PDB file of N, CA and C in Angstrom:
ATOM      1  N   MET A   1       0.800  -1.214  -0.057  1.00  0.00           N
ATOM      2  CA  MET A   1      -0.015  -0.133  -0.014  1.00  0.00           C
ATOM      3  C   MET A   1       0.988   1.192  -0.022  1.00  0.00           C
ATOM      4  N   SER A   2       0.607   2.098  -0.893  1.00  0.00           N
ATOM      5  CA  SER A   2       1.537   3.248  -0.950  1.00  0.00           C
ATOM      6  C   SER A   2       1.147   4.209   0.011  1.00  0.00           C
ATOM      7  N   GLN A   3       2.052   5.052   0.560  1.00  0.00           N
ATOM      8  CA  GLN A   3       1.785   5.992   1.565  1.00  0.00           C
ATOM      9  C   GLN A   3       1.347   7.271   1.005  1.00  0.00           C
ATOM     10  N   SER A   4       0.267   7.714   1.298  1.00  0.00           N
ATOM     11  CA  SER A   4      -0.311   8.939   0.739  1.00  0.00           C
ATOM     12  C   SER A   4      -0.969   9.700   1.982  1.00  0.00           C
ATOM     13  N   LEU A   5      -1.295  11.021   1.792  1.00  0.00           N
ATOM     14  CA  LEU A   5      -1.982  11.728   2.679  1.00  0.00           C
ATOM     15  C   LEU A   5      -3.376  11.228   3.141  1.00  0.00           C
ATOM     16  N   GLU A   6      -4.049  10.621   2.009  1.00  0.00           N
ATOM     17  CA  GLU A   6      -5.344   9.999   2.291  1.00  0.00           C
ATOM     18  C   GLU A   6      -5.239   8.836   3.162  1.00  0.00           C
ATOM     19  N   SER A   7      -4.282   8.048   3.025  1.00  0.00           N
ATOM     20  CA  SER A   7      -4.167   6.740   3.953  1.00  0.00           C
ATOM     21  C   SER A   7      -3.991   7.205   5.315  1.00  0.00           C
ATOM     22  N   TYR A   8      -3.162   8.290   5.700  1.00  0.00           N
ATOM     23  CA  TYR A   8      -2.966   8.730   6.948  1.00  0.00           C
ATOM     24  C   TYR A   8      -4.238   9.422   7.487  1.00  0.00           C
ATOM     25  N   LEU A   9      -4.954  10.180   6.731  1.00  0.00           N
ATOM     26  CA  LEU A   9      -6.135  10.704   7.176  1.00  0.00           C
ATOM     27  C   LEU A   9      -7.271   9.689   7.379  1.00  0.00           C
ATOM     28  N   PHE A  10      -7.261   8.559   6.683  1.00  0.00           N
ATOM     29  CA  PHE A  10      -8.246   7.476   6.924  1.00  0.00           C
ATOM     30  C   PHE A  10      -7.999   6.956   8.210  1.00  0.00           C
ATOM     31  N   ILE A  11      -6.675   6.683   8.632  1.00  0.00           N
ATOM     32  CA  ILE A  11      -6.354   5.971   9.839  1.00  0.00           C
ATOM     33  C   ILE A  11      -6.713   6.981  11.001  1.00  0.00           C
ATOM     34  N   SER A  12      -6.332   8.279  10.754  1.00  0.00           N
ATOM     35  CA  SER A  12      -6.655   9.272  11.886  1.00  0.00           C
ATOM     36  C   SER A  12      -8.149   9.487  12.072  1.00  0.00           C
ATOM     37  N   SER A  13      -8.898   9.298  10.969  1.00  0.00           N
ATOM     38  CA  SER A  13     -10.355   9.598  11.199  1.00  0.00           C
ATOM     39  C   SER A  13     -10.965   8.216  11.940  1.00  0.00           C
ATOM     40  N   ALA A  14     -10.374   7.147  11.563  1.00  0.00           N
ATOM     41  CA  ALA A  14     -10.719   5.967  12.306  1.00  0.00           C
ATOM     42  C   ALA A  14     -10.454   6.027  13.766  1.00  0.00           C
ATOM     43  N   LEU A  15      -9.262   6.464  14.095  1.00  0.00           N
ATOM     44  CA  LEU A  15      -8.889   6.777  15.573  1.00  0.00           C
ATOM     45  C   LEU A  15      -9.802   7.742  16.267  1.00  0.00           C
ATOM     46  N   PHE A  16     -10.153   8.654  15.512  1.00  0.00           N
ATOM     47  CA  PHE A  16     -10.959   9.760  16.039  1.00  0.00           C
ATOM     48  C   PHE A  16     -12.313   9.256  16.337  1.00  0.00           C
ATOM     49  N   ALA A  17     -12.906   8.446  15.363  1.00  0.00           N
ATOM     50  CA  ALA A  17     -14.232   7.825  15.443  1.00  0.00           C
ATOM     51  C   ALA A  17     -14.355   6.823  16.537  1.00  0.00           C
ATOM     52  N   ALA A  18     -13.303   6.033  16.822  1.00  0.00           N
ATOM     53  CA  ALA A  18     -13.070   5.210  17.866  1.00  0.00           C
ATOM     54  C   ALA A  18     -13.149   6.044  19.268  1.00  0.00           C
ATOM     55  N   GLY A  19     -12.426   6.995  19.327  1.00  0.00           N
ATOM     56  CA  GLY A  19     -12.372   7.903  20.528  1.00  0.00           C
ATOM     57  C   GLY A  19     -13.684   8.462  20.926  1.00  0.00           C
ATOM     58  N   VAL A  20     -14.388   8.998  19.806  1.00  0.00           N
ATOM     59  CA  VAL A  20     -15.592   9.698  19.989  1.00  0.00           C
ATOM     60  C   VAL A  20     -16.710   8.568  20.409  1.00  0.00           C
ATOM     61  N   TYR A  21     -16.658   7.373  19.866  1.00  0.00           N
ATOM     62  CA  TYR A  21     -17.491   6.272  20.243  1.00  0.00           C
ATOM     63  C   TYR A  21     -17.377   6.114  21.648  1.00  0.00           C
ATOM     64  N   GLY A  22     -16.148   5.775  22.192  1.00  0.00           N
ATOM     65  CA  GLY A  22     -15.811   5.403  23.389  1.00  0.00           C
ATOM     66  C   GLY A  22     -16.150   6.322  24.484  1.00  0.00           C
ATOM     67  N   MET A  23     -16.109   7.818  24.128  1.00  0.00           N
ATOM     68  CA  MET A  23     -16.476   8.927  25.074  1.00  0.00           C
ATOM     69  C   MET A  23     -18.083   8.816  25.076  1.00  0.00           C
ATOM     70  N   LEU A  24     -18.785   8.463  24.117  1.00  0.00           N
ATOM     71  CA  LEU A  24     -20.193   8.579  24.099  1.00  0.00           C
ATOM     72  C   LEU A  24     -20.837   7.301  24.781  1.00  0.00           C
ATOM     73  N   ALA A  25     -20.198   6.125  24.534  1.00  0.00           N
ATOM     74  CA  ALA A  25     -20.813   4.897  24.868  1.00  0.00           C
ATOM     75  C   ALA A  25     -20.366   4.391  26.268  1.00  0.00           C
ATOM     76  N   ARG A  26     -19.260   4.782  26.833  1.00  0.00           N
ATOM     77  CA  ARG A  26     -18.848   4.272  28.093  1.00  0.00           C
ATOM     78  C   ARG A  26     -19.063   5.038  29.063  1.00  0.00           C
ATOM     79  N   ARG A  27     -19.282   4.382  30.379  1.00  0.00           N
ATOM     80  CA  ARG A  27     -19.364   5.166  31.548  1.00  0.00           C
ATOM     81  C   ARG A  27     -18.489   4.918  32.605  1.00  0.00           C
ATOM     82  N   ASN A  28     -17.342   4.216  32.217  1.00  0.00           N
ATOM     83  CA  ASN A  28     -16.166   3.883  33.025  1.00  0.00           C
ATOM     84  C   ASN A  28     -15.198   5.074  32.698  1.00  0.00           C
ATOM     85  N   LEU A  29     -14.608   5.659  33.881  1.00  0.00           N
ATOM     86  CA  LEU A  29     -13.704   6.738  33.728  1.00  0.00           C
ATOM     87  C   LEU A  29     -12.458   6.452  33.101  1.00  0.00           C
ATOM     88  N   VAL A  30     -11.848   5.145  33.230  1.00  0.00           N
ATOM     89  CA  VAL A  30     -10.719   4.820  32.658  1.00  0.00           C
ATOM     90  C   VAL A  30     -10.942   4.751  31.163  1.00  0.00           C
ATOM     91  N   ALA A  31     -12.077   4.107  30.702  1.00  0.00           N
ATOM     92  CA  ALA A  31     -12.349   3.895  29.381  1.00  0.00           C
ATOM     93  C   ALA A  31     -12.476   5.376  28.655  1.00  0.00           C
ATOM     94  N   LEU A  32     -13.075   6.287  29.442  1.00  0.00           N
ATOM     95  CA  LEU A  32     -13.121   7.748  28.882  1.00  0.00           C
ATOM     96  C   LEU A  32     -11.811   8.345  28.676  1.00  0.00           C
ATOM     97  N   LEU A  33     -10.916   8.057  29.633  1.00  0.00           N
ATOM     98  CA  LEU A  33      -9.477   8.618  29.483  1.00  0.00           C
ATOM     99  C   LEU A  33      -8.815   8.107  28.284  1.00  0.00           C
ATOM    100  N   ILE A  34      -8.956   6.775  28.024  1.00  0.00           N
ATOM    101  CA  ILE A  34      -8.334   5.943  26.890  1.00  0.00           C
ATOM    102  C   ILE A  34      -9.023   6.495  25.572  1.00  0.00           C
ATOM    103  N   SER A  35     -10.172   6.890  25.614  1.00  0.00           N
ATOM    104  CA  SER A  35     -10.912   7.395  24.439  1.00  0.00           C
ATOM    105  C   SER A  35     -10.474   8.833  24.159  1.00  0.00           C
ATOM    106  N   LEU A  36     -10.185   9.660  25.244  1.00  0.00           N
ATOM    107  CA  LEU A  36      -9.691  10.897  24.962  1.00  0.00           C
ATOM    108  C   LEU A  36      -8.181  10.756  24.423  1.00  0.00           C
ATOM    109  N   GLU A  37      -7.373   9.825  24.829  1.00  0.00           N
ATOM    110  CA  GLU A  37      -5.915   9.710  24.489  1.00  0.00           C
ATOM    111  C   GLU A  37      -6.060   9.204  22.818  1.00  0.00           C
ATOM    112  N   LEU A  38      -7.189   8.447  22.424  1.00  0.00           N
ATOM    113  CA  LEU A  38      -7.253   8.107  21.041  1.00  0.00           C
ATOM    114  C   LEU A  38      -7.508   9.341  20.154  1.00  0.00           C
ATOM    115  N   ILE A  39      -8.350  10.311  20.732  1.00  0.00           N
ATOM    116  CA  ILE A  39      -8.638  11.424  20.054  1.00  0.00           C
ATOM    117  C   ILE A  39      -7.411  12.404  19.799  1.00  0.00           C
ATOM    118  N   LEU A  40      -6.601  12.386  20.948  1.00  0.00           N
ATOM    119  CA  LEU A  40      -5.421  13.168  20.945  1.00  0.00           C
ATOM    120  C   LEU A  40      -4.525  12.533  19.914  1.00  0.00           C
ATOM    121  N   ASN A  41      -4.221  11.291  19.819  1.00  0.00           N
ATOM    122  CA  ASN A  41      -3.439  10.549  19.028  1.00  0.00           C
ATOM    123  C   ASN A  41      -3.857  10.920  17.586  1.00  0.00           C
ATOM    124  N   SER A  42      -5.126  10.956  17.322  1.00  0.00           N
ATOM    125  CA  SER A  42      -5.605  11.179  15.977  1.00  0.00           C
ATOM    126  C   SER A  42      -5.272  12.817  15.498  1.00  0.00           C
ATOM    127  N   ALA A  43      -5.280  13.655  16.482  1.00  0.00           N
ATOM    128  CA  ALA A  43      -4.915  14.903  16.045  1.00  0.00           C
ATOM    129  C   ALA A  43      -3.336  14.938  15.817  1.00  0.00           C
ATOM    130  N   SER A  44      -2.592  14.156  16.613  1.00  0.00           N
ATOM    131  CA  SER A  44      -1.103  14.107  16.506  1.00  0.00           C
ATOM    132  C   SER A  44      -0.665  13.579  15.043  1.00  0.00           C
ATOM    133  N   LEU A  45      -1.497  12.592  14.681  1.00  0.00           N
ATOM    134  CA  LEU A  45      -1.264  11.835  13.367  1.00  0.00           C
ATOM    135  C   LEU A  45      -1.593  12.916  12.287  1.00  0.00           C
ATOM    136  N   ASN A  46      -2.688  13.613  12.308  1.00  0.00           N
ATOM    137  CA  ASN A  46      -2.978  14.630  11.434  1.00  0.00           C
ATOM    138  C   ASN A  46      -1.865  15.699  11.353  1.00  0.00           C
ATOM    139  N   PHE A  47      -1.417  16.060  12.322  1.00  0.00           N
ATOM    140  CA  PHE A  47      -0.319  17.100  12.263  1.00  0.00           C
ATOM    141  C   PHE A  47       0.851  16.562  11.590  1.00  0.00           C
ATOM    142  N   VAL A  48       1.350  15.329  11.972  1.00  0.00           N
ATOM    143  CA  VAL A  48       2.438  14.801  11.309  1.00  0.00           C
ATOM    144  C   VAL A  48       2.239  14.429   9.779  1.00  0.00           C
ATOM    145  N   ALA A  49       1.152  14.150   9.421  1.00  0.00           N
ATOM    146  CA  ALA A  49       0.780  13.784   8.092  1.00  0.00           C
ATOM    147  C   ALA A  49       0.806  15.112   7.173  1.00  0.00           C
ATOM    148  N   PHE A  50       0.163  16.027   7.656  1.00  0.00           N
ATOM    149  CA  PHE A  50       0.031  17.258   6.950  1.00  0.00           C
ATOM    150  C   PHE A  50       1.413  17.928   6.942  1.00  0.00           C
ATOM    151  N   ASN A  51       2.212  17.868   7.949  1.00  0.00           N
ATOM    152  CA  ASN A  51       3.540  18.283   8.013  1.00  0.00           C
ATOM    153  C   ASN A  51       4.381  17.613   6.823  1.00  0.00           C
ATOM    154  N   ARG A  52       4.159  16.364   6.798  1.00  0.00           N
ATOM    155  CA  ARG A  52       5.089  15.640   5.907  1.00  0.00           C
ATOM    156  C   ARG A  52       4.915  15.869   4.320  1.00  0.00           C
ATOM    157  N   PHE A  53       3.495  16.050   3.999  1.00  0.00           N
ATOM    158  CA  PHE A  53       2.977  16.076   2.600  1.00  0.00           C
ATOM    159  C   PHE A  53       2.824  17.601   2.267  1.00  0.00           C
ATOM    160  N   LEU A  54       2.563  18.568   3.071  1.00  0.00           N
ATOM    161  CA  LEU A  54       2.318  19.782   2.663  1.00  0.00           C
ATOM    162  C   LEU A  54       3.170  20.874   2.967  1.00  0.00           C
ATOM    163  N   LEU A  55       3.832  20.869   4.083  1.00  0.00           N
ATOM    164  CA  LEU A  55       4.760  21.974   4.613  1.00  0.00           C
ATOM    165  C   LEU A  55       6.181  21.802   4.086  1.00  0.00           C
ATOM    166  N   ALA A  56       6.725  23.054   3.920  1.00  0.00           N
ATOM    167  CA  ALA A  56       8.332  23.052   3.527  1.00  0.00           C
ATOM    168  C   ALA A  56       8.984  22.812   4.870  1.00  0.00           C
ATOM    169  N   ASP A  57       8.550  23.527   6.043  1.00  0.00           N
ATOM    170  CA  ASP A  57       9.348  23.387   7.287  1.00  0.00           C
ATOM    171  C   ASP A  57       8.840  21.924   7.883  1.00  0.00           C
ATOM    172  N   LYS A  58       9.855  21.218   8.092  1.00  0.00           N
ATOM    173  CA  LYS A  58       9.543  19.736   8.598  1.00  0.00           C
ATOM    174  C   LYS A  58       9.512  19.782  10.124  1.00  0.00           C
ATOM    175  N   THR A  59       9.681  20.747  10.716  1.00  0.00           N
ATOM    176  CA  THR A  59       9.593  20.859  12.193  1.00  0.00           C
ATOM    177  C   THR A  59       8.360  21.303  12.886  1.00  0.00           C
ATOM    178  N   ALA A  60       7.519  22.040  12.040  1.00  0.00           N
ATOM    179  CA  ALA A  60       6.230  22.641  12.596  1.00  0.00           C
ATOM    180  C   ALA A  60       5.223  21.805  13.088  1.00  0.00           C
ATOM    181  N   GLY A  61       4.948  20.742  12.361  1.00  0.00           N
ATOM    182  CA  GLY A  61       4.090  19.651  12.904  1.00  0.00           C
ATOM    183  C   GLY A  61       4.598  18.886  13.991  1.00  0.00           C
ATOM    184  N   GLN A  62       5.955  18.673  14.070  1.00  0.00           N
ATOM    185  CA  GLN A  62       6.499  17.901  15.189  1.00  0.00           C
ATOM    186  C   GLN A  62       6.500  18.684  16.405  1.00  0.00           C
ATOM    187  N   VAL A  63       6.580  19.901  16.460  1.00  0.00           N
ATOM    188  CA  VAL A  63       6.601  20.705  17.623  1.00  0.00           C
ATOM    189  C   VAL A  63       5.106  20.712  18.128  1.00  0.00           C
ATOM    190  N   PHE A  64       4.044  20.719  17.396  1.00  0.00           N
ATOM    191  CA  PHE A  64       2.654  20.570  17.797  1.00  0.00           C
ATOM    192  C   PHE A  64       2.513  19.310  18.464  1.00  0.00           C
ATOM    193  N   VAL A  65       2.975  18.206  17.874  1.00  0.00           N
ATOM    194  CA  VAL A  65       2.803  16.858  18.484  1.00  0.00           C
ATOM    195  C   VAL A  65       3.491  16.781  19.682  1.00  0.00           C
ATOM    196  N   VAL A  66       4.612  17.371  19.908  1.00  0.00           N
ATOM    197  CA  VAL A  66       5.308  17.402  21.200  1.00  0.00           C
ATOM    198  C   VAL A  66       4.470  18.121  22.381  1.00  0.00           C
ATOM    199  N   PHE A  67       3.759  19.234  22.054  1.00  0.00           N
ATOM    200  CA  PHE A  67       2.846  19.872  22.884  1.00  0.00           C
ATOM    201  C   PHE A  67       1.629  18.975  23.241  1.00  0.00           C
ATOM    202  N   ILE A  68       1.151  18.263  22.172  1.00  0.00           N
ATOM    203  CA  ILE A  68       0.055  17.387  22.339  1.00  0.00           C
ATOM    204  C   ILE A  68       0.382  16.247  23.292  1.00  0.00           C
ATOM    205  N   ILE A  69       1.543  15.725  23.164  1.00  0.00           N
ATOM    206  CA  ILE A  69       1.999  14.602  24.109  1.00  0.00           C
ATOM    207  C   ILE A  69       2.087  15.168  25.457  1.00  0.00           C
ATOM    208  N   ALA A  70       2.753  16.278  25.626  1.00  0.00           N
ATOM    209  CA  ALA A  70       2.810  17.036  27.037  1.00  0.00           C
ATOM    210  C   ALA A  70       1.320  17.240  27.613  1.00  0.00           C
ATOM    211  N   LEU A  71       0.489  17.688  26.798  1.00  0.00           N
ATOM    212  CA  LEU A  71      -0.929  17.864  27.194  1.00  0.00           C
ATOM    213  C   LEU A  71      -1.540  16.584  27.669  1.00  0.00           C
ATOM    214  N   ALA A  72      -1.363  15.636  26.853  1.00  0.00           N
ATOM    215  CA  ALA A  72      -1.808  14.182  27.084  1.00  0.00           C
ATOM    216  C   ALA A  72      -1.453  13.633  28.391  1.00  0.00           C
ATOM    217  N   ALA A  73      -0.053  13.730  28.756  1.00  0.00           N
ATOM    218  CA  ALA A  73       0.534  13.369  29.910  1.00  0.00           C
ATOM    219  C   ALA A  73      -0.078  14.066  31.068  1.00  0.00           C
ATOM    220  N   ALA A  74      -0.269  15.281  31.002  1.00  0.00           N
ATOM    221  CA  ALA A  74      -0.837  16.134  32.121  1.00  0.00           C
ATOM    222  C   ALA A  74      -2.316  15.658  32.432  1.00  0.00           C
ATOM    223  N   GLU A  75      -3.001  15.662  31.179  1.00  0.00           N
ATOM    224  CA  GLU A  75      -4.309  14.961  31.347  1.00  0.00           C
ATOM    225  C   GLU A  75      -4.446  13.752  32.064  1.00  0.00           C
ATOM    226  N   ALA A  76      -3.652  12.941  31.603  1.00  0.00           N
ATOM    227  CA  ALA A  76      -3.566  11.406  32.127  1.00  0.00           C
ATOM    228  C   ALA A  76      -3.422  11.428  33.782  1.00  0.00           C
ATOM    229  N   THR A  77      -2.372  12.430  34.094  1.00  0.00           N
ATOM    230  CA  THR A  77      -2.005  12.407  35.528  1.00  0.00           C
ATOM    231  C   THR A  77      -3.140  12.960  36.276  1.00  0.00           C
ATOM    232  N   ILE A  78      -3.770  14.049  35.889  1.00  0.00           N
ATOM    233  CA  ILE A  78      -4.775  14.652  36.713  1.00  0.00           C
ATOM    234  C   ILE A  78      -5.956  13.783  36.566  1.00  0.00           C
ATOM    235  N   GLY A  79      -6.276  13.186  35.460  1.00  0.00           N
ATOM    236  CA  GLY A  79      -7.479  12.348  35.394  1.00  0.00           C
ATOM    237  C   GLY A  79      -7.285  11.107  36.133  1.00  0.00           C
ATOM    238  N   LEU A  80      -6.074  10.416  36.274  1.00  0.00           N
ATOM    239  CA  LEU A  80      -6.026   9.320  36.963  1.00  0.00           C
ATOM    240  C   LEU A  80      -6.108   9.551  38.463  1.00  0.00           C
ATOM    241  N   SER A  81      -5.512  10.711  38.807  1.00  0.00           N
ATOM    242  CA  SER A  81      -5.708  11.039  40.348  1.00  0.00           C
ATOM    243  C   SER A  81      -7.144  11.341  40.641  1.00  0.00           C
ATOM    244  N   LEU A  82      -7.787  11.974  39.892  1.00  0.00           N
ATOM    245  CA  LEU A  82      -9.326  12.221  40.188  1.00  0.00           C
ATOM    246  C   LEU A  82     -10.071  10.829  40.303  1.00  0.00           C
ATOM    247  N   ILE A  83      -9.703   9.864  39.351  1.00  0.00           N
ATOM    248  CA  ILE A  83     -10.439   8.677  39.428  1.00  0.00           C
ATOM    249  C   ILE A  83      -9.996   7.735  40.638  1.00  0.00           C
ATOM    250  N   LEU A  84      -8.714   7.952  41.082  1.00  0.00           N
ATOM    251  CA  LEU A  84      -8.167   7.340  42.361  1.00  0.00           C
ATOM    252  C   LEU A  84      -9.050   8.003  43.554  1.00  0.00           C
ATOM    253  N   LEU A  85      -9.211   9.272  43.627  1.00  0.00           N
ATOM    254  CA  LEU A  85      -9.979   9.886  44.631  1.00  0.00           C
ATOM    255  C   LEU A  85     -11.486   9.495  44.599  1.00  0.00           C
ATOM    256  N   LEU A  86     -12.035   9.390  43.398  1.00  0.00           N
ATOM    257  CA  LEU A  86     -13.384   8.852  43.265  1.00  0.00           C
ATOM    258  C   LEU A  86     -13.666   7.337  43.902  1.00  0.00           C
ATOM    259  N   TYR A  87     -12.521   6.545  43.582  1.00  0.00           N
ATOM    260  CA  TYR A  87     -12.521   5.213  43.952  1.00  0.00           C
ATOM    261  C   TYR A  87     -12.442   5.108  45.464  1.00  0.00           C
ATOM    262  N   ARG A  88     -11.598   5.922  45.902  1.00  0.00           N
ATOM    263  CA  ARG A  88     -11.541   6.035  47.426  1.00  0.00           C
ATOM    264  C   ARG A  88     -12.796   6.390  48.189  1.00  0.00           C
ATOM    265  N   LYS A  89     -13.419   7.210  47.483  1.00  0.00           N
ATOM    266  CA  LYS A  89     -14.784   7.763  48.175  1.00  0.00           C
ATOM    267  C   LYS A  89     -15.949   6.799  47.884  1.00  0.00           C
ATOM    268  N   LYS A  90     -16.027   6.427  46.638  1.00  0.00           N
ATOM    269  CA  LYS A  90     -17.256   5.631  46.246  1.00  0.00           C
ATOM    270  C   LYS A  90     -17.139   4.126  46.112  1.00  0.00           C
ATOM    271  N   HIS A  91     -15.855   3.740  45.947  1.00  0.00           N
ATOM    272  CA  HIS A  91     -15.524   2.347  45.698  1.00  0.00           C
ATOM    273  C   HIS A  91     -16.038   1.877  44.199  1.00  0.00           C
ATOM    274  N   SER A  92     -16.117   2.828  43.324  1.00  0.00           N
ATOM    275  CA  SER A  92     -16.506   2.649  41.952  1.00  0.00           C
ATOM    276  C   SER A  92     -15.938   3.768  41.192  1.00  0.00           C
ATOM    277  N   ILE A  93     -15.710   3.343  39.879  1.00  0.00           N
ATOM    278  CA  ILE A  93     -15.111   4.383  38.819  1.00  0.00           C
ATOM    279  C   ILE A  93     -16.227   4.686  37.837  1.00  0.00           C
ATOM    280  N   ASN A  94     -17.499   4.529  38.145  1.00  0.00           N
ATOM    281  CA  ASN A  94     -18.539   4.782  37.173  1.00  0.00           C
ATOM    282  C   ASN A  94     -18.757   6.393  37.153  1.00  0.00           C
ATOM    283  N   ILE A  95     -19.002   6.945  36.118  1.00  0.00           N
ATOM    284  CA  ILE A  95     -19.232   8.370  35.840  1.00  0.00           C
ATOM    285  C   ILE A  95     -20.557   8.835  36.643  1.00  0.00           C
ATOM    286  N   GLU A  96     -21.476   8.014  36.809  1.00  0.00           N
ATOM    287  CA  GLU A  96     -22.648   8.431  37.567  1.00  0.00           C
ATOM    288  C   GLU A  96     -22.311   8.797  38.923  1.00  0.00           C
ATOM    289  N   GLU A  97     -21.429   7.953  39.467  1.00  0.00           N
ATOM    290  CA  GLU A  97     -21.050   8.187  40.922  1.00  0.00           C
ATOM    291  C   GLU A  97     -20.390   9.424  41.113  1.00  0.00           C
ATOM    292  N   ALA A  98     -19.619  10.072  40.076  1.00  0.00           N
ATOM    293  CA  ALA A  98     -18.915  11.243  40.146  1.00  0.00           C
ATOM    294  C   ALA A  98     -19.837  12.472  40.313  1.00  0.00           C
ATOM    295  N   LYS A  99     -21.034  12.223  39.778  1.00  0.00           N
ATOM    296  CA  LYS A  99     -22.054  13.294  39.845  1.00  0.00           C
ATOM    297  C   LYS A  99     -22.475  13.609  41.402  1.00  0.00           C
ATOM    298  N   GLU A 100     -22.488  12.594  42.087  1.00  0.00           N
ATOM    299  CA  GLU A 100     -22.877  12.768  43.429  1.00  0.00           C
ATOM    300  C   GLU A 100     -21.757  13.438  44.278  1.00  0.00           C
ATOM    301  N   LEU A 101     -20.656  13.686  43.865  1.00  0.00           N
ATOM    302  CA  LEU A 101     -19.526  14.313  44.640  1.00  0.00           C
ATOM    303  C   LEU A 101     -19.804  15.901  44.689  1.00  0.00           C
ATOM    304  N   ARG A 102     -20.797  16.499  43.878  1.00  0.00           N
ATOM    305  CA  ARG A 102     -21.014  17.948  43.899  1.00  0.00           C
ATOM    306  C   ARG A 102     -21.412  18.452  45.141  1.00  0.00           C
ATOM    307  N   GLY A 103     -21.099  19.564  45.504  1.00  0.00           N
ATOM    308  CA  GLY A 103     -21.565  20.345  46.640  1.00  0.00           C
ATOM    309  C   GLY A 103     -21.052  19.671  47.896  1.00  0.00           C
TER     310      GLY A 103
END
């Protein structure tokens, strides 16, 4: 299979669709974090693909990807700490249990 921009965009859209489906269909907070990571990886793949095929400067897309990776690491750290706190309080990581923590 030849590597073209369309093949990268197809894979990226499949990752994005899987991430959106996971965000909408799952009620487990860990599954929601994994789905969010899929969406961020889809954006990273788009940046690298467009960088490779359309831009003359080969570092612009890679810089954006590094920022996305740093954002994903911070999101995972904060998300997992909140999940751990929810599990300690409610003994469940279901999203409906998190709604009861308000107030």
